[in-house]
Structures are given as structure tokens and as C-alpha cells.
Amino acid sequence: MALSRKKWNTIIILVTAIMITVLSFINSKTEQVPVDAMPLFDSSLPLKQLHINKQWLADSQGQWQCSDGVLNCQKWAAAWQNIAITALQVDPIHTSKPIKVAFAIANIDEPLVWQLFTEEGLLLSPGGNWYKIPPSLRADLLPIIKVKSR
């Protein structure tokens, strides 16, 4: 028994409505920062410098400067200034290689070296504590590097 054109249209409309509902639900769960997320930096201990591989950013009298070739300097700085993390109670499973991130923080003499697992959105502190970065705050955590032409 074949379906009539009217029944096919009804099926397509229902599937589309279900898909929109599912995508809206997923979006609402990933766009918002969880309630238990805490800022990594605050006004008493602000970020002053950050190094990832050979790229760096630094606060110079309220103005962010980056190493040559970084195209998204202000977005990169804002992403790290506004990062919020959630402490994890159990060590997570991670498959990506970590990226070393060195932070220089105001009023702290020694830089702190953390490990960033970009694919999973994880941070490992120097003390061995694990933290999760909400999906909505992960987009600009890495610099965009200008490709050098020959």
C-alpha cells in the first residue's frame, strides 16, 4: 500500500518539527554555562600573560598584545579572561594530546603550567586536579595563526 502525497507531507512536517525540537534542546544545553562553573581568573588575581607553544598574549596597561602572526588577539584574550570551569570529582578519560598552557597571574611570582585537552574541553591543573570547560566557552581558546607565505 503506497502512501498518498498528503500522508507523505504530514510525515515530513512531523519529522521536521521533531528535529527542530531536538536541535533546540541540544542548543539550550550547550549554550549556557553550568551553574556550578567558576571563573578561573577574577579581579583579585587577573590573567597577565599566557603562553601556548610559541604564541603568547600579554596585558600591557589594560591593552592586550599578542605575538606576531596571531589574528584573533582580542578574542583569544577575552576567551581566557572569561573562562569558567567546573571541577571534576573523577579523573576523566581523554584521548587527545595535551597542550601546555603557562599562565602569569598578577600577585603570583611563578607562572602556572596547566594542560589543555582541546577535544574534550578539559584542563589539568599543576596540582593534578581536573576541570571541565563548558562547550560554549571553548571556541576561542586557541590562537588563529597567520600562515606565512614563501
C-alpha atoms as a PDB file:
ATOM      1  CA  MET A   1       0.000   0.000   0.000  1.00  0.00           C
ATOM      2  CA  ALA A   2       1.519   3.278  -1.091  1.00  0.00           C
ATOM      3  CA  LEU A   3       1.241   6.458   0.922  1.00  0.00           C
ATOM      4  CA  SER A   4      -0.631   9.348  -0.553  1.00  0.00           C
ATOM      5  CA  ARG A   5       1.051  12.667  -1.167  1.00  0.00           C
ATOM      6  CA  LYS A   6      -0.904  14.176   1.736  1.00  0.00           C
ATOM      7  CA  LYS A   7       0.384  11.487   4.144  1.00  0.00           C
ATOM      8  CA  TRP A   8       3.978  11.989   2.948  1.00  0.00           C
ATOM      9  CA  ASN A   9       3.662  15.726   3.537  1.00  0.00           C
ATOM     10  CA  THR A  10       2.322  15.081   7.041  1.00  0.00           C
ATOM     11  CA  ILE A  11       5.231  12.736   7.801  1.00  0.00           C
ATOM     12  CA  ILE A  12       7.775  15.274   6.534  1.00  0.00           C
ATOM     13  CA  ILE A  13       6.215  18.048   8.635  1.00  0.00           C
ATOM     14  CA  LEU A  14       6.220  15.871  11.780  1.00  0.00           C
ATOM     15  CA  VAL A  15       9.831  14.759  11.299  1.00  0.00           C
ATOM     16  CA  THR A  16      10.904  18.353  10.718  1.00  0.00           C
ATOM     17  CA  ALA A  17       9.122  19.516  13.871  1.00  0.00           C
ATOM     18  CA  ILE A  18      10.738  16.724  15.913  1.00  0.00           C
ATOM     19  CA  MET A  19      14.159  17.575  14.505  1.00  0.00           C
ATOM     20  CA  ILE A  20      13.755  21.271  15.355  1.00  0.00           C
ATOM     21  CA  THR A  21      12.715  20.335  18.897  1.00  0.00           C
ATOM     22  CA  VAL A  22      15.721  18.044  19.367  1.00  0.00           C
ATOM     23  CA  LEU A  23      18.179  20.609  17.977  1.00  0.00           C
ATOM     24  CA  SER A  24      16.673  23.362  20.156  1.00  0.00           C
ATOM     25  CA  PHE A  25      17.047  21.148  23.220  1.00  0.00           C
ATOM     26  CA  ILE A  26      20.687  20.366  22.398  1.00  0.00           C
ATOM     27  CA  ASN A  27      21.419  24.045  21.791  1.00  0.00           C
ATOM     28  CA  SER A  28      19.866  25.062  25.111  1.00  0.00           C
ATOM     29  CA  LYS A  29      22.063  22.552  26.944  1.00  0.00           C
ATOM     30  CA  THR A  30      25.357  23.616  25.312  1.00  0.00           C
ATOM     31  CA  GLU A  31      24.981  27.402  25.074  1.00  0.00           C
ATOM     32  CA  GLN A  32      24.590  28.068  28.759  1.00  0.00           C
ATOM     33  CA  VAL A  33      27.430  27.939  31.244  1.00  0.00           C
ATOM     34  CA  PRO A  34      26.611  25.472  34.041  1.00  0.00           C
ATOM     35  CA  VAL A  35      25.563  26.966  37.378  1.00  0.00           C
ATOM     36  CA  ASP A  36      28.499  25.344  39.192  1.00  0.00           C
ATOM     37  CA  ALA A  37      31.109  26.763  36.791  1.00  0.00           C
ATOM     38  CA  MET A  38      33.531  29.142  38.487  1.00  0.00           C
ATOM     39  CA  PRO A  39      35.774  31.718  36.789  1.00  0.00           C
ATOM     40  CA  LEU A  40      39.409  30.650  36.536  1.00  0.00           C
ATOM     41  CA  PHE A  41      40.575  34.266  36.942  1.00  0.00           C
ATOM     42  CA  ASP A  42      38.981  37.068  38.932  1.00  0.00           C
ATOM     43  CA  SER A  43      39.611  40.713  39.709  1.00  0.00           C
ATOM     44  CA  SER A  44      41.954  39.952  42.635  1.00  0.00           C
ATOM     45  CA  LEU A  45      44.069  37.518  40.577  1.00  0.00           C
ATOM     46  CA  PRO A  46      43.709  38.565  36.930  1.00  0.00           C
ATOM     47  CA  LEU A  47      45.459  36.968  33.987  1.00  0.00           C
ATOM     48  CA  LYS A  48      48.528  38.961  32.929  1.00  0.00           C
ATOM     49  CA  GLN A  49      50.235  36.652  30.410  1.00  0.00           C
ATOM     50  CA  LEU A  50      49.538  33.392  28.644  1.00  0.00           C
ATOM     51  CA  HIS A  51      51.798  31.160  26.551  1.00  0.00           C
ATOM     52  CA  ILE A  52      50.688  28.313  24.299  1.00  0.00           C
ATOM     53  CA  ASN A  53      53.515  26.755  22.336  1.00  0.00           C
ATOM     54  CA  LYS A  54      55.368  29.719  20.790  1.00  0.00           C
ATOM     55  CA  GLN A  55      52.333  32.015  20.885  1.00  0.00           C
ATOM     56  CA  TRP A  56      51.702  34.434  23.724  1.00  0.00           C
ATOM     57  CA  LEU A  57      49.384  37.165  24.849  1.00  0.00           C
ATOM     58  CA  ALA A  58      50.109  39.797  27.493  1.00  0.00           C
ATOM     59  CA  ASP A  59      48.217  42.554  29.267  1.00  0.00           C
ATOM     60  CA  SER A  60      50.086  45.820  28.889  1.00  0.00           C
ATOM     61  CA  GLN A  61      48.319  48.504  30.925  1.00  0.00           C
ATOM     62  CA  GLY A  62      44.855  47.209  30.082  1.00  0.00           C
ATOM     63  CA  GLN A  63      45.601  46.586  26.408  1.00  0.00           C
ATOM     64  CA  TRP A  64      46.137  43.008  25.184  1.00  0.00           C
ATOM     65  CA  GLN A  65      49.066  42.358  22.877  1.00  0.00           C
ATOM     66  CA  CYS A  66      49.927  39.108  21.156  1.00  0.00           C
ATOM     67  CA  SER A  67      52.865  37.547  19.416  1.00  0.00           C
ATOM     68  CA  ASP A  68      53.289  38.312  15.726  1.00  0.00           C
ATOM     69  CA  GLY A  69      51.016  36.324  13.487  1.00  0.00           C
ATOM     70  CA  VAL A  70      48.094  35.911  15.923  1.00  0.00           C
ATOM     71  CA  LEU A  71      44.999  37.062  14.047  1.00  0.00           C
ATOM     72  CA  ASN A  72      42.428  36.814  16.855  1.00  0.00           C
ATOM     73  CA  CYS A  73      44.316  38.526  19.667  1.00  0.00           C
ATOM     74  CA  GLN A  74      41.399  40.313  21.344  1.00  0.00           C
ATOM     75  CA  LYS A  75      39.033  37.323  21.054  1.00  0.00           C
ATOM     76  CA  TRP A  76      41.756  34.999  22.337  1.00  0.00           C
ATOM     77  CA  ALA A  77      42.407  37.264  25.332  1.00  0.00           C
ATOM     78  CA  ALA A  78      38.692  37.640  26.068  1.00  0.00           C
ATOM     79  CA  ALA A  79      38.168  33.872  25.905  1.00  0.00           C
ATOM     80  CA  TRP A  80      40.827  33.270  28.554  1.00  0.00           C
ATOM     81  CA  GLN A  81      39.815  36.224  30.715  1.00  0.00           C
ATOM     82  CA  ASN A  82      36.217  34.995  30.833  1.00  0.00           C
ATOM     83  CA  ILE A  83      36.850  31.254  31.056  1.00  0.00           C
ATOM     84  CA  ALA A  84      34.805  29.390  33.635  1.00  0.00           C
ATOM     85  CA  ILE A  85      35.483  25.822  34.727  1.00  0.00           C
ATOM     86  CA  THR A  86      33.762  23.074  36.667  1.00  0.00           C
ATOM     87  CA  ALA A  87      35.747  20.844  38.996  1.00  0.00           C
ATOM     88  CA  LEU A  88      35.547  17.128  38.241  1.00  0.00           C
ATOM     89  CA  GLN A  89      35.459  14.574  41.045  1.00  0.00           C
ATOM     90  CA  VAL A  90      36.682  11.663  38.896  1.00  0.00           C
ATOM     91  CA  ASP A  91      39.636  11.683  36.513  1.00  0.00           C
ATOM     92  CA  PRO A  92      38.137  11.885  33.008  1.00  0.00           C
ATOM     93  CA  ILE A  93      39.015   9.753  30.028  1.00  0.00           C
ATOM     94  CA  HIS A  94      40.902  11.774  27.440  1.00  0.00           C
ATOM     95  CA  THR A  95      42.262  10.779  24.058  1.00  0.00           C
ATOM     96  CA  SER A  96      43.815  13.966  22.719  1.00  0.00           C
ATOM     97  CA  LYS A  97      47.348  15.142  23.375  1.00  0.00           C
ATOM     98  CA  PRO A  98      47.581  17.920  25.936  1.00  0.00           C
ATOM     99  CA  ILE A  99      48.724  21.428  25.105  1.00  0.00           C
ATOM    100  CA  LYS A 100      50.803  23.141  27.770  1.00  0.00           C
ATOM    101  CA  VAL A 101      49.393  26.498  28.788  1.00  0.00           C
ATOM    102  CA  ALA A 102      51.507  28.759  31.002  1.00  0.00           C
ATOM    103  CA  PHE A 103      49.670  31.464  32.943  1.00  0.00           C
ATOM    104  CA  ALA A 104      51.250  34.502  34.546  1.00  0.00           C
ATOM    105  CA  ILE A 105      48.824  35.838  37.114  1.00  0.00           C
ATOM    106  CA  ALA A 106      49.033  39.163  38.927  1.00  0.00           C
ATOM    107  CA  ASN A 107      50.355  38.877  42.505  1.00  0.00           C
ATOM    108  CA  ILE A 108      51.765  35.373  41.887  1.00  0.00           C
ATOM    109  CA  ASP A 109      55.517  35.195  41.271  1.00  0.00           C
ATOM    110  CA  GLU A 110      55.783  31.839  39.484  1.00  0.00           C
ATOM    111  CA  PRO A 111      53.907  31.052  36.273  1.00  0.00           C
ATOM    112  CA  LEU A 112      51.418  28.187  36.455  1.00  0.00           C
ATOM    113  CA  VAL A 113      51.610  25.481  33.786  1.00  0.00           C
ATOM    114  CA  TRP A 114      48.318  23.744  33.086  1.00  0.00           C
ATOM    115  CA  GLN A 115      47.461  21.175  30.430  1.00  0.00           C
ATOM    116  CA  LEU A 116      44.630  21.816  27.988  1.00  0.00           C
ATOM    117  CA  PHE A 117      42.860  18.937  26.244  1.00  0.00           C
ATOM    118  CA  THR A 118      41.054  20.801  23.478  1.00  0.00           C
ATOM    119  CA  GLU A 119      38.962  17.970  22.017  1.00  0.00           C
ATOM    120  CA  GLU A 120      37.433  17.063  25.362  1.00  0.00           C
ATOM    121  CA  GLY A 121      37.385  20.578  26.820  1.00  0.00           C
ATOM    122  CA  LEU A 122      39.467  19.594  29.847  1.00  0.00           C
ATOM    123  CA  LEU A 123      42.059  21.416  31.936  1.00  0.00           C
ATOM    124  CA  LEU A 124      44.542  19.693  34.243  1.00  0.00           C
ATOM    125  CA  SER A 125      45.968  21.925  36.965  1.00  0.00           C
ATOM    126  CA  PRO A 126      49.573  21.751  38.217  1.00  0.00           C
ATOM    127  CA  GLY A 127      48.170  20.083  41.363  1.00  0.00           C
ATOM    128  CA  GLY A 128      46.604  17.261  39.331  1.00  0.00           C
ATOM    129  CA  ASN A 129      43.004  18.481  39.567  1.00  0.00           C
ATOM    130  CA  TRP A 130      40.730  18.096  36.549  1.00  0.00           C
ATOM    131  CA  TYR A 131      38.336  20.758  35.294  1.00  0.00           C
ATOM    132  CA  LYS A 132      35.752  20.823  32.515  1.00  0.00           C
ATOM    133  CA  ILE A 133      35.297  23.845  30.227  1.00  0.00           C
ATOM    134  CA  PRO A 134      31.683  24.351  29.074  1.00  0.00           C
ATOM    135  CA  PRO A 135      31.251  23.862  25.309  1.00  0.00           C
ATOM    136  CA  SER A 136      30.116  27.463  24.803  1.00  0.00           C
ATOM    137  CA  LEU A 137      33.439  28.792  26.169  1.00  0.00           C
ATOM    138  CA  ARG A 138      35.836  26.620  24.138  1.00  0.00           C
ATOM    139  CA  ALA A 139      35.691  28.271  20.715  1.00  0.00           C
ATOM    140  CA  ASP A 140      38.448  30.889  21.014  1.00  0.00           C
ATOM    141  CA  LEU A 141      40.862  29.246  23.480  1.00  0.00           C
ATOM    142  CA  LEU A 142      43.488  28.677  20.784  1.00  0.00           C
ATOM    143  CA  PRO A 143      45.066  31.421  18.700  1.00  0.00           C
ATOM    144  CA  ILE A 144      44.472  31.696  14.981  1.00  0.00           C
ATOM    145  CA  ILE A 145      47.909  31.926  13.395  1.00  0.00           C
ATOM    146  CA  LYS A 146      48.616  33.765  10.169  1.00  0.00           C
ATOM    147  CA  VAL A 147      50.044  31.410   7.567  1.00  0.00           C
ATOM    148  CA  LYS A 148      53.432  32.533   6.319  1.00  0.00           C
ATOM    149  CA  SER A 149      53.810  32.617   2.560  1.00  0.00           C
ATOM    150  CA  ARG A 150      57.103  31.972   0.908  1.00  0.00           C
END
